[in-house]
Amino acid sequence: MTGPLALAGLRSWARGPHDDLAGEGVYVGHLSISVPIVPGSGEGDPDALADRWYRLARARGTFEATVGV
């Protein structure tokens, strides 16, 4: 299991390209998932997560979204 420090580092690392590349039309975002990924489990369903990521990337209005928090 990945620890909170590693996850914070990943989020911080992704923020750099998000800020640097936004002006060039490139989107970098972060979807924090705090639920088990299990088919048929509601917000932890892989299709639901894919839809959430898709909406985040299409909107491009924010860097990050969370699931299960």
C-alpha atoms as a PDB file:
ATOM      1  CA  MET A   1       0.000   0.000   0.000  1.00  0.00           C
ATOM      2  CA  THR A   2       1.289   3.440  -0.890  1.00  0.00           C
ATOM      3  CA  GLY A   3       1.836   5.759   2.034  1.00  0.00           C
ATOM      4  CA  PRO A   4       0.465   9.276   2.419  1.00  0.00           C
ATOM      5  CA  LEU A   5       3.903  10.837   1.933  1.00  0.00           C
ATOM      6  CA  ALA A   6       4.352   9.161  -1.456  1.00  0.00           C
ATOM      7  CA  LEU A   7       0.861  10.226  -2.525  1.00  0.00           C
ATOM      8  CA  ALA A   8       1.535  13.817  -1.472  1.00  0.00           C
ATOM      9  CA  GLY A   9       4.757  13.732  -3.486  1.00  0.00           C
ATOM     10  CA  LEU A  10       2.931  12.483  -6.581  1.00  0.00           C
ATOM     11  CA  ARG A  11       0.304  15.215  -6.238  1.00  0.00           C
ATOM     12  CA  SER A  12       2.973  17.860  -5.805  1.00  0.00           C
ATOM     13  CA  TRP A  13       4.954  16.562  -8.777  1.00  0.00           C
ATOM     14  CA  ALA A  14       1.878  16.586 -11.048  1.00  0.00           C
ATOM     15  CA  ARG A  15       1.083  20.172 -10.071  1.00  0.00           C
ATOM     16  CA  GLY A  16       4.282  21.407 -11.743  1.00  0.00           C
ATOM     17  CA  PRO A  17       3.453  20.188 -15.271  1.00  0.00           C
ATOM     18  CA  HIS A  18      -0.155  21.308 -14.747  1.00  0.00           C
ATOM     19  CA  ASP A  19       0.984  24.875 -14.134  1.00  0.00           C
ATOM     20  CA  ASP A  20       3.758  24.835 -16.743  1.00  0.00           C
ATOM     21  CA  LEU A  21       1.820  23.301 -19.639  1.00  0.00           C
ATOM     22  CA  ALA A  22      -1.672  24.757 -19.224  1.00  0.00           C
ATOM     23  CA  GLY A  23      -0.811  27.670 -21.504  1.00  0.00           C
ATOM     24  CA  GLU A  24       0.095  25.207 -24.270  1.00  0.00           C
ATOM     25  CA  GLY A  25      -3.259  23.420 -24.077  1.00  0.00           C
ATOM     26  CA  VAL A  26      -1.928  20.390 -22.184  1.00  0.00           C
ATOM     27  CA  TYR A  27      -3.983  19.251 -19.183  1.00  0.00           C
ATOM     28  CA  VAL A  28      -2.413  17.457 -16.220  1.00  0.00           C
ATOM     29  CA  GLY A  29      -4.693  16.602 -13.323  1.00  0.00           C
ATOM     30  CA  HIS A  30      -4.893  14.471 -10.219  1.00  0.00           C
ATOM     31  CA  LEU A  31      -7.749  12.192  -9.166  1.00  0.00           C
ATOM     32  CA  SER A  32      -7.378  11.107  -5.542  1.00  0.00           C
ATOM     33  CA  ILE A  33      -9.204   7.803  -4.951  1.00  0.00           C
ATOM     34  CA  SER A  34      -9.951   6.900  -1.333  1.00  0.00           C
ATOM     35  CA  VAL A  35     -12.286   3.966  -1.907  1.00  0.00           C
ATOM     36  CA  PRO A  36     -11.643   0.381  -2.971  1.00  0.00           C
ATOM     37  CA  ILE A  37     -11.799  -0.021  -6.740  1.00  0.00           C
ATOM     38  CA  VAL A  38     -14.391  -2.754  -7.145  1.00  0.00           C
ATOM     39  CA  PRO A  39     -16.788  -3.320 -10.048  1.00  0.00           C
ATOM     40  CA  GLY A  40     -20.370  -2.539  -9.073  1.00  0.00           C
ATOM     41  CA  SER A  41     -19.375  -0.647  -5.916  1.00  0.00           C
ATOM     42  CA  GLY A  42     -20.782   2.786  -6.703  1.00  0.00           C
ATOM     43  CA  GLU A  43     -18.157   5.505  -6.765  1.00  0.00           C
ATOM     44  CA  GLY A  44     -15.371   2.885  -6.600  1.00  0.00           C
ATOM     45  CA  ASP A  45     -16.588   1.177  -9.774  1.00  0.00           C
ATOM     46  CA  PRO A  46     -13.907   1.393 -12.502  1.00  0.00           C
ATOM     47  CA  ASP A  47     -16.427   2.832 -14.988  1.00  0.00           C
ATOM     48  CA  ALA A  48     -17.501   5.494 -12.467  1.00  0.00           C
ATOM     49  CA  LEU A  49     -13.862   6.409 -11.850  1.00  0.00           C
ATOM     50  CA  ALA A  50     -13.162   6.607 -15.582  1.00  0.00           C
ATOM     51  CA  ASP A  51     -16.166   8.909 -15.986  1.00  0.00           C
ATOM     52  CA  ARG A  52     -14.955  11.105 -13.116  1.00  0.00           C
ATOM     53  CA  TRP A  53     -11.495  11.364 -14.672  1.00  0.00           C
ATOM     54  CA  TYR A  54     -13.002  12.116 -18.084  1.00  0.00           C
ATOM     55  CA  ARG A  55     -15.154  14.932 -16.661  1.00  0.00           C
ATOM     56  CA  LEU A  56     -12.154  16.368 -14.808  1.00  0.00           C
ATOM     57  CA  ALA A  57     -10.027  16.362 -17.961  1.00  0.00           C
ATOM     58  CA  ARG A  58     -12.801  17.781 -20.168  1.00  0.00           C
ATOM     59  CA  ALA A  59     -13.628  20.631 -17.796  1.00  0.00           C
ATOM     60  CA  ARG A  60      -9.960  21.579 -17.220  1.00  0.00           C
ATOM     61  CA  GLY A  61     -11.238  24.012 -14.601  1.00  0.00           C
ATOM     62  CA  THR A  62      -9.417  22.458 -11.674  1.00  0.00           C
ATOM     63  CA  PHE A  63      -6.262  20.490 -11.079  1.00  0.00           C
ATOM     64  CA  GLU A  64      -7.703  17.922  -8.722  1.00  0.00           C
ATOM     65  CA  ALA A  65     -10.777  15.980  -7.667  1.00  0.00           C
ATOM     66  CA  THR A  66     -11.336  13.436  -4.918  1.00  0.00           C
ATOM     67  CA  VAL A  67     -13.436  10.296  -4.715  1.00  0.00           C
ATOM     68  CA  GLY A  68     -14.547   8.879  -1.386  1.00  0.00           C
ATOM     69  CA  VAL A  69     -13.406  11.714   0.847  1.00  0.00           C
END
